[in-house]
Amino acid sequence: MTDNKNAPNAELRQRILDVLKAHEEVSFAKLADIPGFAGDQDLVAPEFANLVLWRGLSQAAIDELEALEDDEVIRFARTDAKRYAEDGFTPTLPVALRVSKYRTPSWLPVVVSLWRVTEGKA
């Protein structure tokens, strides 16, 4: 990512990092409350177009999450639907039981956590 692309989303990136620094790990249901996070896009698992990690993200949120993951600042880990129920979320898609190719969209529940934060990456 170039510096010009990072500049408009620096505030969103910081908001995401602030939530992650305050909690050991968070669900997308918690991240959805961040201003600028919501939108009309789906975040899908790489190489699995119908394996949806979360629906209703802004493109800026997707760009920041992907950049943070690429930079090894955050990581995604599988969880179960119960974790999301505790956060008040009820899925509208069938829950994926494994990482696999699906014929129709399926939801893979994941949590997001900090991997590491180094100077200059946040």
N, C-alpha and C. Protein backbone atom coordinates (compact mmCIF):
# COMPACT_ATOMS: atom_id res chain seq x y z
N MET A 1 0.84 -1.18 0.00
CA MET A 1 0.00 0.00 0.00
C MET A 1 0.88 1.24 0.00
N THR A 2 0.49 2.21 -0.75
CA THR A 2 1.25 3.45 -0.78
C THR A 2 0.80 4.37 0.33
N ASP A 3 1.65 5.36 0.63
CA ASP A 3 1.30 6.30 1.69
C ASP A 3 0.02 7.06 1.37
N ASN A 4 -0.21 7.39 0.09
CA ASN A 4 -1.41 8.13 -0.28
C ASN A 4 -2.67 7.33 0.02
N LYS A 5 -2.62 6.02 -0.17
CA LYS A 5 -3.79 5.20 0.09
C LYS A 5 -4.03 5.06 1.60
N ASN A 6 -2.95 5.04 2.40
CA ASN A 6 -3.07 4.93 3.85
C ASN A 6 -3.63 6.18 4.49
N ALA A 7 -3.32 7.34 3.94
CA ALA A 7 -3.67 8.60 4.59
C ALA A 7 -5.17 8.74 4.87
N PRO A 8 -6.06 8.51 3.91
CA PRO A 8 -7.48 8.70 4.20
C PRO A 8 -8.02 7.75 5.25
N ASN A 9 -7.38 6.60 5.43
CA ASN A 9 -7.89 5.59 6.34
C ASN A 9 -7.12 5.52 7.65
N ALA A 10 -6.21 6.46 7.87
CA ALA A 10 -5.39 6.43 9.09
C ALA A 10 -6.26 6.50 10.34
N GLU A 11 -7.31 7.29 10.31
CA GLU A 11 -8.20 7.41 11.47
C GLU A 11 -8.95 6.10 11.72
N LEU A 12 -9.44 5.47 10.68
CA LEU A 12 -10.13 4.19 10.81
C LEU A 12 -9.16 3.13 11.34
N ARG A 13 -7.96 3.10 10.80
CA ARG A 13 -6.94 2.15 11.26
C ARG A 13 -6.69 2.32 12.75
N GLN A 14 -6.56 3.56 13.19
CA GLN A 14 -6.30 3.81 14.61
C GLN A 14 -7.48 3.38 15.47
N ARG A 15 -8.69 3.60 14.99
CA ARG A 15 -9.87 3.17 15.75
C ARG A 15 -9.91 1.65 15.90
N ILE A 16 -9.58 0.95 14.82
CA ILE A 16 -9.53 -0.52 14.88
C ILE A 16 -8.47 -0.95 15.89
N LEU A 17 -7.29 -0.36 15.82
CA LEU A 17 -6.21 -0.73 16.73
C LEU A 17 -6.55 -0.39 18.18
N ASP A 18 -7.24 0.72 18.39
CA ASP A 18 -7.63 1.09 19.75
C ASP A 18 -8.56 0.05 20.37
N VAL A 19 -9.52 -0.44 19.58
CA VAL A 19 -10.44 -1.48 20.08
C VAL A 19 -9.65 -2.76 20.38
N LEU A 20 -8.73 -3.11 19.51
CA LEU A 20 -7.97 -4.33 19.70
C LEU A 20 -7.01 -4.22 20.89
N LYS A 21 -6.46 -3.05 21.11
CA LYS A 21 -5.58 -2.85 22.26
C LYS A 21 -6.35 -2.93 23.58
N ALA A 22 -7.62 -2.57 23.55
CA ALA A 22 -8.44 -2.57 24.76
C ALA A 22 -8.96 -3.97 25.11
N HIS A 23 -8.94 -4.89 24.15
CA HIS A 23 -9.48 -6.24 24.34
C HIS A 23 -8.49 -7.26 23.79
N GLU A 24 -8.45 -8.40 24.42
CA GLU A 24 -7.53 -9.45 23.95
C GLU A 24 -7.87 -9.90 22.54
N GLU A 25 -9.14 -10.09 22.30
CA GLU A 25 -9.63 -10.45 20.97
C GLU A 25 -11.06 -9.96 20.86
N VAL A 26 -11.48 -9.67 19.64
CA VAL A 26 -12.83 -9.16 19.45
C VAL A 26 -13.49 -9.84 18.25
N SER A 27 -14.80 -9.87 18.31
CA SER A 27 -15.58 -10.37 17.17
C SER A 27 -15.85 -9.21 16.23
N PHE A 28 -16.23 -9.54 15.02
CA PHE A 28 -16.62 -8.50 14.08
C PHE A 28 -17.86 -7.76 14.58
N ALA A 29 -18.68 -8.43 15.38
CA ALA A 29 -19.86 -7.76 15.93
C ALA A 29 -19.44 -6.56 16.77
N LYS A 30 -18.33 -6.66 17.47
CA LYS A 30 -17.82 -5.54 18.27
C LYS A 30 -17.16 -4.48 17.38
N LEU A 31 -16.43 -4.90 16.38
CA LEU A 31 -15.78 -3.95 15.48
C LEU A 31 -16.79 -3.17 14.65
N ALA A 32 -17.96 -3.74 14.42
CA ALA A 32 -18.98 -3.10 13.58
C ALA A 32 -19.43 -1.75 14.13
N ASP A 33 -19.20 -1.51 15.42
CA ASP A 33 -19.60 -0.23 16.03
C ASP A 33 -18.62 0.91 15.75
N ILE A 34 -17.48 0.61 15.18
CA ILE A 34 -16.48 1.64 14.91
C ILE A 34 -16.97 2.54 13.78
N PRO A 35 -16.94 3.86 13.98
CA PRO A 35 -17.34 4.77 12.89
C PRO A 35 -16.49 4.53 11.64
N GLY A 36 -17.15 4.39 10.49
CA GLY A 36 -16.47 4.16 9.23
C GLY A 36 -16.25 2.69 8.90
N PHE A 37 -16.62 1.80 9.82
CA PHE A 37 -16.40 0.37 9.62
C PHE A 37 -17.50 -0.26 8.77
N ALA A 38 -18.71 0.17 8.96
CA ALA A 38 -19.86 -0.43 8.28
C ALA A 38 -19.96 0.01 6.83
N GLY A 39 -20.49 -0.87 6.02
CA GLY A 39 -20.69 -0.57 4.60
C GLY A 39 -21.49 -1.69 3.96
N ASP A 40 -21.27 -1.89 2.67
CA ASP A 40 -22.06 -2.89 1.95
C ASP A 40 -21.20 -4.00 1.33
N GLN A 41 -20.00 -4.16 1.83
CA GLN A 41 -19.08 -5.16 1.28
C GLN A 41 -18.97 -6.37 2.20
N ASP A 42 -18.55 -7.50 1.63
CA ASP A 42 -18.29 -8.71 2.39
C ASP A 42 -16.79 -8.95 2.46
N LEU A 43 -16.31 -9.36 3.63
CA LEU A 43 -14.94 -9.81 3.78
C LEU A 43 -14.97 -11.33 3.68
N VAL A 44 -14.29 -11.86 2.67
CA VAL A 44 -14.29 -13.31 2.45
C VAL A 44 -12.89 -13.86 2.65
N ALA A 45 -12.82 -15.14 2.95
CA ALA A 45 -11.54 -15.81 3.13
C ALA A 45 -10.82 -15.87 1.79
N PRO A 46 -9.52 -15.63 1.80
CA PRO A 46 -8.76 -15.73 0.55
C PRO A 46 -8.95 -17.12 -0.07
N GLU A 47 -9.16 -17.14 -1.37
CA GLU A 47 -9.32 -18.37 -2.15
C GLU A 47 -10.63 -19.12 -1.89
N PHE A 48 -11.53 -18.53 -1.10
CA PHE A 48 -12.81 -19.16 -0.80
C PHE A 48 -13.91 -18.10 -0.92
N ALA A 49 -14.35 -17.83 -2.13
CA ALA A 49 -15.27 -16.72 -2.39
C ALA A 49 -16.58 -16.80 -1.61
N ASN A 50 -17.03 -17.98 -1.26
CA ASN A 50 -18.29 -18.12 -0.53
C ASN A 50 -18.09 -18.35 0.97
N LEU A 51 -16.89 -18.17 1.46
CA LEU A 51 -16.61 -18.30 2.88
C LEU A 51 -16.50 -16.90 3.47
N VAL A 52 -17.61 -16.43 4.03
CA VAL A 52 -17.75 -15.05 4.47
C VAL A 52 -17.29 -14.91 5.93
N LEU A 53 -16.34 -14.01 6.16
CA LEU A 53 -15.91 -13.72 7.52
C LEU A 53 -16.84 -12.71 8.17
N TRP A 54 -17.28 -11.73 7.37
CA TRP A 54 -18.21 -10.72 7.90
C TRP A 54 -18.86 -10.00 6.74
N ARG A 55 -20.12 -9.65 6.94
CA ARG A 55 -20.89 -8.88 5.96
C ARG A 55 -21.08 -7.47 6.48
N GLY A 56 -21.22 -6.53 5.55
CA GLY A 56 -21.56 -5.17 5.92
C GLY A 56 -20.38 -4.31 6.33
N LEU A 57 -19.24 -4.49 5.66
CA LEU A 57 -18.07 -3.66 5.93
C LEU A 57 -17.91 -2.61 4.84
N SER A 58 -17.28 -1.52 5.20
CA SER A 58 -16.90 -0.53 4.20
C SER A 58 -15.66 -1.04 3.48
N GLN A 59 -15.43 -0.56 2.27
CA GLN A 59 -14.23 -0.95 1.55
C GLN A 59 -12.99 -0.47 2.31
N ALA A 60 -13.09 0.69 2.95
CA ALA A 60 -11.96 1.20 3.74
C ALA A 60 -11.63 0.25 4.88
N ALA A 61 -12.64 -0.31 5.54
CA ALA A 61 -12.40 -1.25 6.64
C ALA A 61 -11.73 -2.52 6.11
N ILE A 62 -12.20 -3.02 4.98
CA ILE A 62 -11.58 -4.20 4.38
C ILE A 62 -10.12 -3.91 4.04
N ASP A 63 -9.87 -2.77 3.42
CA ASP A 63 -8.49 -2.40 3.05
C ASP A 63 -7.59 -2.35 4.28
N GLU A 64 -8.09 -1.75 5.36
CA GLU A 64 -7.28 -1.63 6.58
C GLU A 64 -7.06 -2.98 7.24
N LEU A 65 -8.09 -3.80 7.33
CA LEU A 65 -7.94 -5.12 7.93
C LEU A 65 -6.94 -5.97 7.14
N GLU A 66 -7.05 -5.94 5.82
CA GLU A 66 -6.13 -6.72 4.98
C GLU A 66 -4.70 -6.20 5.12
N ALA A 67 -4.53 -4.88 5.16
CA ALA A 67 -3.19 -4.31 5.32
C ALA A 67 -2.61 -4.66 6.69
N LEU A 68 -3.42 -4.58 7.72
CA LEU A 68 -2.94 -4.92 9.07
C LEU A 68 -2.58 -6.40 9.16
N GLU A 69 -3.35 -7.24 8.50
CA GLU A 69 -3.02 -8.67 8.50
C GLU A 69 -1.75 -8.92 7.71
N ASP A 70 -1.63 -8.30 6.54
CA ASP A 70 -0.42 -8.46 5.72
C ASP A 70 0.83 -8.02 6.47
N ASP A 71 0.69 -6.96 7.27
CA ASP A 71 1.82 -6.43 8.05
C ASP A 71 2.03 -7.20 9.35
N GLU A 72 1.25 -8.25 9.57
CA GLU A 72 1.32 -9.08 10.78
C GLU A 72 1.09 -8.28 12.05
N VAL A 73 0.17 -7.33 11.97
CA VAL A 73 -0.23 -6.56 13.14
C VAL A 73 -1.44 -7.23 13.79
N ILE A 74 -2.33 -7.78 12.96
CA ILE A 74 -3.51 -8.49 13.46
C ILE A 74 -3.55 -9.88 12.86
N ARG A 75 -4.36 -10.71 13.49
CA ARG A 75 -4.59 -12.03 12.92
C ARG A 75 -6.04 -12.43 13.18
N PHE A 76 -6.51 -13.33 12.36
CA PHE A 76 -7.86 -13.86 12.48
C PHE A 76 -7.76 -15.29 12.99
N ALA A 77 -8.63 -15.66 13.91
CA ALA A 77 -8.65 -17.02 14.42
C ALA A 77 -10.10 -17.50 14.47
N ARG A 78 -10.29 -18.75 14.09
CA ARG A 78 -11.64 -19.33 14.11
C ARG A 78 -12.17 -19.34 15.53
N THR A 79 -13.46 -19.17 15.61
CA THR A 79 -14.18 -19.28 16.87
C THR A 79 -15.49 -19.98 16.56
N ASP A 80 -16.39 -20.04 17.52
CA ASP A 80 -17.68 -20.65 17.24
C ASP A 80 -18.78 -19.58 17.27
N ALA A 81 -19.93 -19.95 16.78
CA ALA A 81 -21.04 -19.01 16.70
C ALA A 81 -21.49 -18.55 18.08
N LYS A 82 -21.23 -19.36 19.10
CA LYS A 82 -21.60 -18.99 20.47
C LYS A 82 -20.94 -17.67 20.88
N ARG A 83 -19.71 -17.47 20.48
CA ARG A 83 -18.99 -16.24 20.81
C ARG A 83 -19.75 -15.03 20.25
N TYR A 84 -20.26 -15.17 19.05
CA TYR A 84 -21.02 -14.07 18.44
C TYR A 84 -22.37 -13.89 19.11
N ALA A 85 -22.98 -14.98 19.53
CA ALA A 85 -24.25 -14.89 20.25
C ALA A 85 -24.06 -14.10 21.54
N GLU A 86 -22.93 -14.30 22.21
CA GLU A 86 -22.63 -13.56 23.43
C GLU A 86 -22.51 -12.06 23.14
N ASP A 87 -22.10 -11.72 21.92
CA ASP A 87 -21.99 -10.32 21.52
C ASP A 87 -23.27 -9.78 20.90
N GLY A 88 -24.34 -10.59 20.94
CA GLY A 88 -25.64 -10.14 20.45
C GLY A 88 -25.86 -10.29 18.96
N PHE A 89 -25.07 -11.12 18.29
CA PHE A 89 -25.19 -11.29 16.85
C PHE A 89 -25.81 -12.63 16.52
N THR A 90 -26.76 -12.61 15.60
CA THR A 90 -27.38 -13.82 15.07
C THR A 90 -27.09 -13.89 13.59
N PRO A 91 -26.43 -14.94 13.13
CA PRO A 91 -26.06 -15.02 11.71
C PRO A 91 -27.27 -15.19 10.80
N THR A 92 -27.16 -14.63 9.62
CA THR A 92 -28.19 -14.81 8.60
C THR A 92 -27.76 -15.83 7.56
N LEU A 93 -26.50 -16.22 7.60
CA LEU A 93 -25.97 -17.24 6.70
C LEU A 93 -25.78 -18.54 7.46
N PRO A 94 -25.78 -19.66 6.76
CA PRO A 94 -25.43 -20.91 7.45
C PRO A 94 -24.00 -20.83 7.96
N VAL A 95 -23.75 -21.44 9.11
CA VAL A 95 -22.41 -21.41 9.71
C VAL A 95 -21.54 -22.46 9.04
N ALA A 96 -20.36 -22.04 8.60
CA ALA A 96 -19.40 -22.97 8.00
C ALA A 96 -18.77 -23.81 9.11
N LEU A 97 -18.75 -25.10 8.91
CA LEU A 97 -18.18 -25.99 9.91
C LEU A 97 -16.69 -26.24 9.68
N ARG A 98 -16.22 -25.87 8.51
CA ARG A 98 -14.81 -26.05 8.19
C ARG A 98 -14.41 -25.05 7.11
N VAL A 99 -13.12 -24.84 6.96
CA VAL A 99 -12.61 -24.00 5.88
C VAL A 99 -12.61 -24.87 4.63
N SER A 100 -13.49 -24.51 3.73
CA SER A 100 -13.68 -25.31 2.53
C SER A 100 -14.39 -24.46 1.49
N LYS A 101 -14.46 -24.97 0.27
CA LYS A 101 -15.22 -24.29 -0.76
C LYS A 101 -16.69 -24.66 -0.58
N TYR A 102 -17.54 -23.64 -0.59
CA TYR A 102 -18.98 -23.83 -0.46
C TYR A 102 -19.65 -23.34 -1.74
N ARG A 103 -20.75 -23.96 -2.08
CA ARG A 103 -21.50 -23.56 -3.28
C ARG A 103 -22.25 -22.25 -3.07
N THR A 104 -22.68 -22.02 -1.87
CA THR A 104 -23.40 -20.79 -1.53
C THR A 104 -22.69 -20.12 -0.35
N PRO A 105 -22.91 -18.83 -0.14
CA PRO A 105 -22.23 -18.16 0.97
C PRO A 105 -22.50 -18.81 2.32
N SER A 106 -21.44 -19.01 3.07
CA SER A 106 -21.50 -19.54 4.43
C SER A 106 -20.61 -18.67 5.31
N TRP A 107 -21.00 -18.56 6.57
CA TRP A 107 -20.29 -17.68 7.50
C TRP A 107 -19.30 -18.47 8.33
N LEU A 108 -18.06 -18.02 8.34
CA LEU A 108 -17.02 -18.61 9.17
C LEU A 108 -16.76 -17.66 10.33
N PRO A 109 -17.20 -18.00 11.54
CA PRO A 109 -16.98 -17.10 12.68
C PRO A 109 -15.49 -17.03 13.04
N VAL A 110 -14.99 -15.82 13.11
CA VAL A 110 -13.60 -15.59 13.51
C VAL A 110 -13.55 -14.44 14.50
N VAL A 111 -12.48 -14.42 15.28
CA VAL A 111 -12.18 -13.29 16.14
C VAL A 111 -10.92 -12.64 15.59
N VAL A 112 -10.75 -11.38 15.93
CA VAL A 112 -9.59 -10.61 15.49
C VAL A 112 -8.79 -10.25 16.74
N SER A 113 -7.48 -10.40 16.65
CA SER A 113 -6.62 -10.03 17.77
C SER A 113 -5.34 -9.41 17.25
N LEU A 114 -4.65 -8.72 18.14
CA LEU A 114 -3.36 -8.16 17.78
C LEU A 114 -2.34 -9.28 17.70
N TRP A 115 -1.54 -9.21 16.68
CA TRP A 115 -0.44 -10.15 16.56
C TRP A 115 0.74 -9.54 17.26
N ARG A 116 1.08 -8.36 16.80
CA ARG A 116 2.11 -7.55 17.41
C ARG A 116 1.98 -6.16 16.85
N VAL A 117 2.41 -5.19 17.60
CA VAL A 117 2.42 -3.82 17.11
C VAL A 117 3.85 -3.32 17.25
N THR A 118 4.42 -2.97 16.12
CA THR A 118 5.77 -2.43 16.14
C THR A 118 5.73 -0.97 15.73
N GLU A 119 6.72 -0.24 16.12
CA GLU A 119 6.78 1.18 15.77
C GLU A 119 6.68 1.34 14.25
N GLY A 120 5.89 2.30 13.84
CA GLY A 120 5.75 2.59 12.42
C GLY A 120 4.70 1.78 11.70
N LYS A 121 4.16 0.75 12.34
CA LYS A 121 3.14 -0.08 11.68
C LYS A 121 1.74 0.32 12.07
N ALA A 122 1.58 0.94 13.21
CA ALA A 122 0.23 1.29 13.67
C ALA A 122 -0.16 2.66 13.19
